[in-house]
């Protein structure tokens, strides 16, 4: 093509790209989730989908693609056009832990993902069986002076595993023994049956167990007490260094998505999540809003990757 012709066509190409972004969305929006239906992330996305559909003027299709440490779901996004019609919704572990755990991960959260919006966050809670060996805060304090603590997790490299590792570092006189299980239900059952002393999970997961007196909350991994657990101290209040660890959920598009489309999607998610009628159910479950710009979301991913890399390395956790 002659240079003069190429220059003449350049404005046409630019206008075509602008028109595509301006017309967005022009077909259903698929939100890919790396877990089965019925889980926490799935529940959140399905709950907001009607309001999100109304705001964007297109149907929302929830596509559950579990397995492979989010690699199957991420592949759907990687193979889709960077036009904003395919999104990826996942918890922080899919963005910040998997790259350190998997020896050969097929996606890079920095290279492949463009942040759209944060949705919700909730702190981790340390809890035990009320009649267990460490069923009270006082019993836990005694173990810190040289006792042994068996803690469960849903598997190697999961947030509860890392939490227990950090807690062990903070209390060097005590011996923290990690007991991994095949998943969260099995780890919770291990506490309920008193196979282990404790487990760390999120406020939304623990709240009903506490209400039914099945478990006893010992501490919150946050800077302040949680409004749903005002009687539960922070780790700092127990004399330990303040360890903070949250479960959070965010949404990303494919890197290269036009900025105008990114902003359109971001505005839609922010509007829906800011609606008290929509958010009340999350709030009642113990979640708080995770509101941030797409740029801040990308920066958070980088920060979380840097934060957890050394911790995962210390534990020696890897997944083939």
Protein backbone atom coordinates (compact mmCIF):
# COMPACT_ATOMS: atom_id res chain seq x y z
CA UNK A 1 0.00 0.00 0.00
CA UNK A 2 1.33 3.44 -0.90
CA UNK A 3 2.14 5.76 2.05
CA UNK A 4 -0.39 8.36 0.87
CA UNK A 5 -3.18 5.78 0.77
CA UNK A 6 -2.21 4.46 4.20
CA UNK A 7 -2.39 7.96 5.65
CA UNK A 8 -5.80 8.49 4.09
CA UNK A 9 -7.09 5.23 5.60
CA UNK A 10 -5.71 5.91 9.09
CA UNK A 11 -8.54 8.26 10.16
CA UNK A 12 -11.08 5.72 8.89
CA UNK A 13 -9.52 2.96 11.03
CA UNK A 14 -9.42 5.25 14.06
CA UNK A 15 -13.04 6.24 13.56
CA UNK A 16 -14.05 2.59 13.24
CA UNK A 17 -12.36 1.79 16.56
CA UNK A 18 -14.06 4.76 18.21
CA UNK A 19 -17.43 3.70 16.84
CA UNK A 20 -16.98 0.21 18.23
CA UNK A 21 -16.29 1.60 21.69
CA UNK A 22 -19.11 4.12 21.41
CA UNK A 23 -21.64 1.41 20.46
CA UNK A 24 -20.63 -0.82 23.37
CA UNK A 25 -22.23 -3.08 24.36
CA UNK A 26 -23.86 -4.42 21.22
CA UNK A 27 -24.31 -8.07 22.28
CA UNK A 28 -24.64 -10.12 25.49
CA UNK A 29 -21.81 -9.80 28.01
CA UNK A 30 -20.26 -13.04 29.21
CA UNK A 31 -18.78 -13.14 32.71
CA UNK A 32 -16.50 -16.13 33.15
CA UNK A 33 -16.05 -17.52 36.67
CA UNK A 34 -13.32 -20.06 37.52
CA UNK A 35 -15.57 -21.98 39.93
CA UNK A 36 -18.70 -24.10 39.86
CA UNK A 37 -22.18 -22.63 40.26
CA UNK A 38 -23.25 -22.01 43.84
CA UNK A 39 -19.90 -20.77 45.17
CA UNK A 40 -19.19 -17.35 46.63
CA UNK A 41 -18.07 -15.62 43.42
CA UNK A 42 -20.89 -17.22 41.44
CA UNK A 43 -23.43 -16.03 44.02
CA UNK A 44 -22.13 -12.46 43.86
CA UNK A 45 -22.17 -12.24 40.07
CA UNK A 46 -25.59 -13.85 39.69
CA UNK A 47 -27.03 -11.55 42.35
CA UNK A 48 -25.90 -8.39 40.55
CA UNK A 49 -26.52 -9.66 37.00
CA UNK A 50 -30.15 -8.42 36.66
CA UNK A 51 -29.21 -4.87 37.71
CA UNK A 52 -26.04 -4.97 35.61
CA UNK A 53 -28.02 -6.13 32.58
CA UNK A 54 -30.50 -3.29 33.03
CA UNK A 55 -27.67 -0.77 33.33
CA UNK A 56 -25.79 -1.97 30.23
CA UNK A 57 -28.84 -2.82 28.14
CA UNK A 58 -27.65 -6.33 27.30
CA UNK A 59 -28.12 -9.80 28.84
CA UNK A 60 -25.46 -11.02 31.26
CA UNK A 61 -24.35 -14.61 30.65
CA UNK A 62 -22.61 -16.28 33.60
CA UNK A 63 -20.17 -18.92 32.35
CA UNK A 64 -18.77 -21.25 35.02
CA UNK A 65 -15.42 -22.70 33.97
CA UNK A 66 -13.91 -24.42 37.04
CA UNK A 67 -10.59 -26.20 37.20
CA UNK A 68 -6.92 -25.72 36.50
CA UNK A 69 -6.40 -22.98 39.03
CA UNK A 70 -8.54 -20.53 37.00
CA UNK A 71 -6.60 -21.38 33.83
CA UNK A 72 -9.65 -22.79 32.04
CA UNK A 73 -11.66 -19.65 32.75
CA UNK A 74 -8.75 -17.38 31.94
CA UNK A 75 -8.33 -19.11 28.57
CA UNK A 76 -11.88 -18.07 27.62
CA UNK A 77 -10.90 -14.45 28.20
CA UNK A 78 -7.55 -14.82 26.45
CA UNK A 79 -9.21 -16.25 23.33
CA UNK A 80 -11.97 -13.63 23.20
CA UNK A 81 -11.70 -10.27 21.41
CA UNK A 82 -10.54 -7.38 23.60
CA UNK A 83 -13.87 -5.63 23.22
CA UNK A 84 -15.35 -5.84 26.73
CA UNK A 85 -18.00 -8.42 25.90
CA UNK A 86 -16.12 -11.14 27.80
CA UNK A 87 -15.13 -10.54 31.42
CA UNK A 88 -13.36 -12.53 34.13
CA UNK A 89 -14.66 -12.46 37.72
CA UNK A 90 -12.56 -14.10 40.42
CA UNK A 91 -11.24 -13.82 43.97
CA UNK A 92 -7.86 -12.40 44.87
CA UNK A 93 -6.20 -15.82 44.86
CA UNK A 94 -6.78 -16.22 41.12
CA UNK A 95 -5.03 -12.91 40.52
CA UNK A 96 -2.31 -12.87 43.18
CA UNK A 97 -1.63 -16.41 44.46
CA UNK A 98 -1.86 -18.69 41.43
CA UNK A 99 1.09 -17.07 39.62
CA UNK A 100 3.29 -18.03 42.58
CA UNK A 101 1.83 -21.49 43.12
CA UNK A 102 1.66 -22.97 39.63
CA UNK A 103 4.95 -23.90 38.02
CA UNK A 104 3.52 -23.27 34.55
CA UNK A 105 0.54 -20.94 34.67
CA UNK A 106 -1.07 -20.24 31.30
CA UNK A 107 -2.07 -16.68 32.18
CA UNK A 108 -0.36 -13.61 33.57
CA UNK A 109 -2.68 -11.29 35.55
CA UNK A 110 -0.57 -8.25 34.66
CA UNK A 111 -0.17 -9.02 30.94
CA UNK A 112 -3.55 -10.60 30.22
CA UNK A 113 -6.00 -8.75 32.50
CA UNK A 114 -7.26 -5.19 32.48
CA UNK A 115 -8.88 -4.23 35.77
CA UNK A 116 -12.53 -3.19 35.59
CA UNK A 117 -13.87 -3.02 39.13
CA UNK A 118 -13.49 -4.31 42.64
CA UNK A 119 -16.73 -5.73 44.04
CA UNK A 120 -16.55 -6.92 47.65
CA UNK A 121 -14.07 -7.72 50.38
CA UNK A 122 -14.23 -9.49 53.74
CA UNK A 123 -11.57 -10.27 56.34
CA UNK A 124 -10.47 -13.70 57.43
CA UNK A 125 -11.62 -15.05 60.80
CA UNK A 126 -9.76 -17.50 63.00
CA UNK A 127 -12.22 -19.95 64.56
CA UNK A 128 -12.37 -23.21 66.49
CA UNK A 129 -14.84 -25.74 67.86
CA UNK A 130 -16.44 -24.31 71.05
CA UNK A 131 -15.67 -27.55 72.89
CA UNK A 132 -12.34 -28.16 71.19
CA UNK A 133 -8.87 -28.10 72.68
CA UNK A 134 -8.56 -24.42 71.77
CA UNK A 135 -12.19 -23.42 72.12
CA UNK A 136 -11.64 -20.03 73.71
CA UNK A 137 -9.42 -17.01 73.28
CA UNK A 138 -7.80 -17.77 76.65
CA UNK A 139 -6.91 -21.29 75.53
CA UNK A 140 -5.42 -19.90 72.33
CA UNK A 141 -3.30 -17.40 74.30
CA UNK A 142 -1.84 -20.27 76.35
CA UNK A 143 -0.80 -22.13 73.19
CA UNK A 144 1.10 -19.09 72.00
CA UNK A 145 3.52 -19.52 74.90
CA UNK A 146 4.79 -22.87 73.68
CA UNK A 147 1.87 -25.07 72.73
CA UNK A 148 0.90 -26.85 69.54
CA UNK A 149 -1.84 -25.71 67.16
CA UNK A 150 -3.19 -27.90 64.36
CA UNK A 151 -4.87 -25.77 61.71
CA UNK A 152 -6.75 -26.88 58.63
CA UNK A 153 -6.80 -25.44 55.13
CA UNK A 154 -8.55 -26.26 51.83
CA UNK A 155 -5.15 -27.14 50.36
CA UNK A 156 -1.53 -26.15 49.86
CA UNK A 157 -1.02 -22.48 49.02
CA UNK A 158 -4.57 -21.40 49.84
CA UNK A 159 -5.20 -18.25 51.88
CA UNK A 160 -5.86 -20.21 55.12
CA UNK A 161 -2.55 -22.04 54.65
CA UNK A 162 -0.69 -18.75 54.23
CA UNK A 163 -2.56 -17.19 57.16
CA UNK A 164 -1.49 -20.03 59.44
CA UNK A 165 2.09 -19.73 58.22
CA UNK A 166 2.13 -16.00 59.02
CA UNK A 167 0.59 -16.67 62.41
CA UNK A 168 3.28 -19.23 63.14
CA UNK A 169 5.96 -16.67 62.24
CA UNK A 170 4.32 -14.14 64.56
CA UNK A 171 4.26 -16.62 67.47
CA UNK A 172 7.61 -18.46 67.30
CA UNK A 173 7.16 -20.11 70.72
CA UNK A 174 4.13 -22.05 69.46
CA UNK A 175 4.18 -24.87 66.90
CA UNK A 176 1.63 -24.40 64.13
CA UNK A 177 0.96 -27.62 62.21
CA UNK A 178 -0.70 -27.30 58.81
CA UNK A 179 -3.24 -30.00 57.90
CA UNK A 180 -4.39 -29.59 54.27
CA UNK A 181 -7.73 -31.00 53.05
CA UNK A 182 -9.26 -31.42 49.60
CA UNK A 183 -11.46 -28.34 49.85
CA UNK A 184 -13.18 -25.83 52.11
CA UNK A 185 -16.11 -28.11 53.13
CA UNK A 186 -13.70 -30.82 54.25
CA UNK A 187 -11.58 -28.32 56.18
CA UNK A 188 -14.63 -26.92 57.97
CA UNK A 189 -15.81 -30.44 58.78
CA UNK A 190 -12.40 -31.14 60.31
CA UNK A 191 -13.02 -28.31 62.79
CA UNK A 192 -16.59 -29.42 63.48
CA UNK A 193 -15.38 -32.95 64.24
CA UNK A 194 -12.42 -31.63 66.27
CA UNK A 195 -9.85 -33.34 64.04
CA UNK A 196 -7.99 -30.03 64.04
CA UNK A 197 -7.90 -27.10 66.42
CA UNK A 198 -8.83 -24.28 64.09
CA UNK A 199 -9.36 -22.91 60.63
CA UNK A 200 -9.26 -19.49 58.99
CA UNK A 201 -12.07 -18.46 56.66
CA UNK A 202 -14.04 -15.38 55.67
CA UNK A 203 -16.72 -13.61 57.67
CA UNK A 204 -19.49 -14.55 55.17
CA UNK A 205 -18.51 -18.24 55.43
CA UNK A 206 -18.22 -18.28 59.20
CA UNK A 207 -21.18 -16.13 60.23
CA UNK A 208 -23.87 -18.84 60.07
CA UNK A 209 -21.61 -21.35 61.81
CA UNK A 210 -21.19 -18.85 64.63
CA UNK A 211 -24.91 -18.07 64.79
CA UNK A 212 -25.64 -21.78 65.12
CA UNK A 213 -22.98 -22.14 67.86
CA UNK A 214 -21.07 -24.65 65.74
CA UNK A 215 -17.80 -22.73 65.92
CA UNK A 216 -16.27 -20.05 68.12
CA UNK A 217 -14.55 -17.04 66.49
CA UNK A 218 -11.19 -16.27 68.10
CA UNK A 219 -9.75 -13.34 66.14
CA UNK A 220 -10.17 -11.18 63.04
CA UNK A 221 -7.36 -10.67 60.53
CA UNK A 222 -8.16 -6.98 60.11
CA UNK A 223 -7.12 -3.59 61.44
CA UNK A 224 -10.37 -3.20 63.38
CA UNK A 225 -13.15 -5.36 64.76
CA UNK A 226 -15.87 -6.39 62.34
CA UNK A 227 -19.39 -4.96 62.85
CA UNK A 228 -20.95 -8.43 62.66
CA UNK A 229 -18.43 -9.77 65.21
CA UNK A 230 -17.96 -6.83 67.60
CA UNK A 231 -16.94 -9.17 70.41
CA UNK A 232 -14.09 -10.75 68.42
CA UNK A 233 -10.68 -9.07 68.86
CA UNK A 234 -8.12 -8.39 66.18
CA UNK A 235 -4.86 -10.30 66.28
CA UNK A 236 -3.13 -7.15 67.49
CA UNK A 237 -5.43 -7.07 70.49
CA UNK A 238 -4.19 -10.57 71.34
CA UNK A 239 -0.64 -9.26 71.46
CA UNK A 240 0.35 -10.48 68.00
CA UNK A 241 1.59 -8.43 65.07
CA UNK A 242 -1.33 -7.16 63.04
CA UNK A 243 -1.83 -9.66 60.22
CA UNK A 244 -4.43 -8.57 57.70
CA UNK A 245 -5.82 -10.94 55.09
CA UNK A 246 -8.96 -10.38 53.06
CA UNK A 247 -11.05 -12.38 50.65
CA UNK A 248 -11.92 -10.07 47.78
CA UNK A 249 -13.59 -10.36 44.40
CA UNK A 250 -12.92 -8.29 41.31
CA UNK A 251 -13.73 -8.17 37.61
CA UNK A 252 -11.28 -7.84 34.73
CA UNK A 253 -11.44 -7.56 30.97
CA UNK A 254 -8.85 -8.60 28.42
CA UNK A 255 -5.80 -6.35 28.24
CA UNK A 256 -6.15 -4.11 25.20
CA UNK A 257 -9.84 -3.37 25.73
CA UNK A 258 -10.53 0.25 24.61
CA UNK A 259 -10.36 2.73 27.51
CA UNK A 260 -13.87 4.00 26.78
CA UNK A 261 -15.24 0.46 27.10
CA UNK A 262 -13.30 -0.06 30.33
CA UNK A 263 -14.79 3.12 31.77
CA UNK A 264 -18.30 2.17 30.61
CA UNK A 265 -18.04 -1.20 32.33
CA UNK A 266 -16.48 0.30 35.43
CA UNK A 267 -19.25 2.87 35.76
CA UNK A 268 -21.90 0.16 35.37
CA UNK A 269 -20.40 -2.07 38.08
CA UNK A 270 -19.91 0.88 40.41
CA UNK A 271 -23.51 2.02 39.98
CA UNK A 272 -24.92 -1.43 40.61
CA UNK A 273 -22.71 -2.15 43.63
CA UNK A 274 -23.50 1.27 45.12
CA UNK A 275 -27.23 0.60 45.03
CA UNK A 276 -28.28 -0.10 48.66
CA UNK A 277 -31.04 -2.44 47.47
CA UNK A 278 -28.46 -4.58 45.65
CA UNK A 279 -25.65 -4.38 48.17
CA UNK A 280 -27.66 -4.98 51.35
CA UNK A 281 -27.55 -8.76 50.94
CA UNK A 282 -23.75 -8.65 50.71
CA UNK A 283 -23.50 -6.30 53.67
CA UNK A 284 -25.71 -8.55 55.80
CA UNK A 285 -23.36 -11.43 54.97
CA UNK A 286 -20.30 -9.53 56.18
CA UNK A 287 -18.93 -8.04 52.97
CA UNK A 288 -17.87 -4.44 52.50
CA UNK A 289 -17.49 -2.56 49.23
CA UNK A 290 -14.26 -2.75 47.30
CA UNK A 291 -14.56 0.40 45.24
CA UNK A 292 -11.62 1.50 43.11
CA UNK A 293 -10.77 2.78 39.65
CA UNK A 294 -9.54 0.37 36.96
CA UNK A 295 -6.07 1.85 37.41
CA UNK A 296 -6.21 1.26 41.16
CA UNK A 297 -7.39 -2.29 40.56
CA UNK A 298 -4.37 -2.99 38.36
CA UNK A 299 -2.10 -1.46 40.99
CA UNK A 300 -3.67 -3.63 43.70
CA UNK A 301 -2.98 -6.78 41.68
CA UNK A 302 0.67 -5.78 41.38
CA UNK A 303 0.85 -5.02 45.10
CA UNK A 304 -0.79 -8.34 46.06
CA UNK A 305 1.54 -10.26 43.76
CA UNK A 306 4.54 -8.62 45.42
CA UNK A 307 3.12 -9.21 48.90
CA UNK A 308 2.33 -12.90 48.60
CA UNK A 309 5.25 -14.03 46.47
CA UNK A 310 7.73 -14.28 49.36
CA UNK A 311 5.11 -15.85 51.66
CA UNK A 312 4.26 -18.61 49.18
CA UNK A 313 7.99 -19.23 48.69
CA UNK A 314 8.49 -19.57 52.45
CA UNK A 315 5.78 -22.21 52.69
CA UNK A 316 7.24 -24.18 49.78
CA UNK A 317 3.75 -24.68 48.35
CA UNK A 318 3.67 -25.51 44.65
CA UNK A 319 1.10 -26.97 42.25
CA UNK A 320 2.13 -28.80 39.07
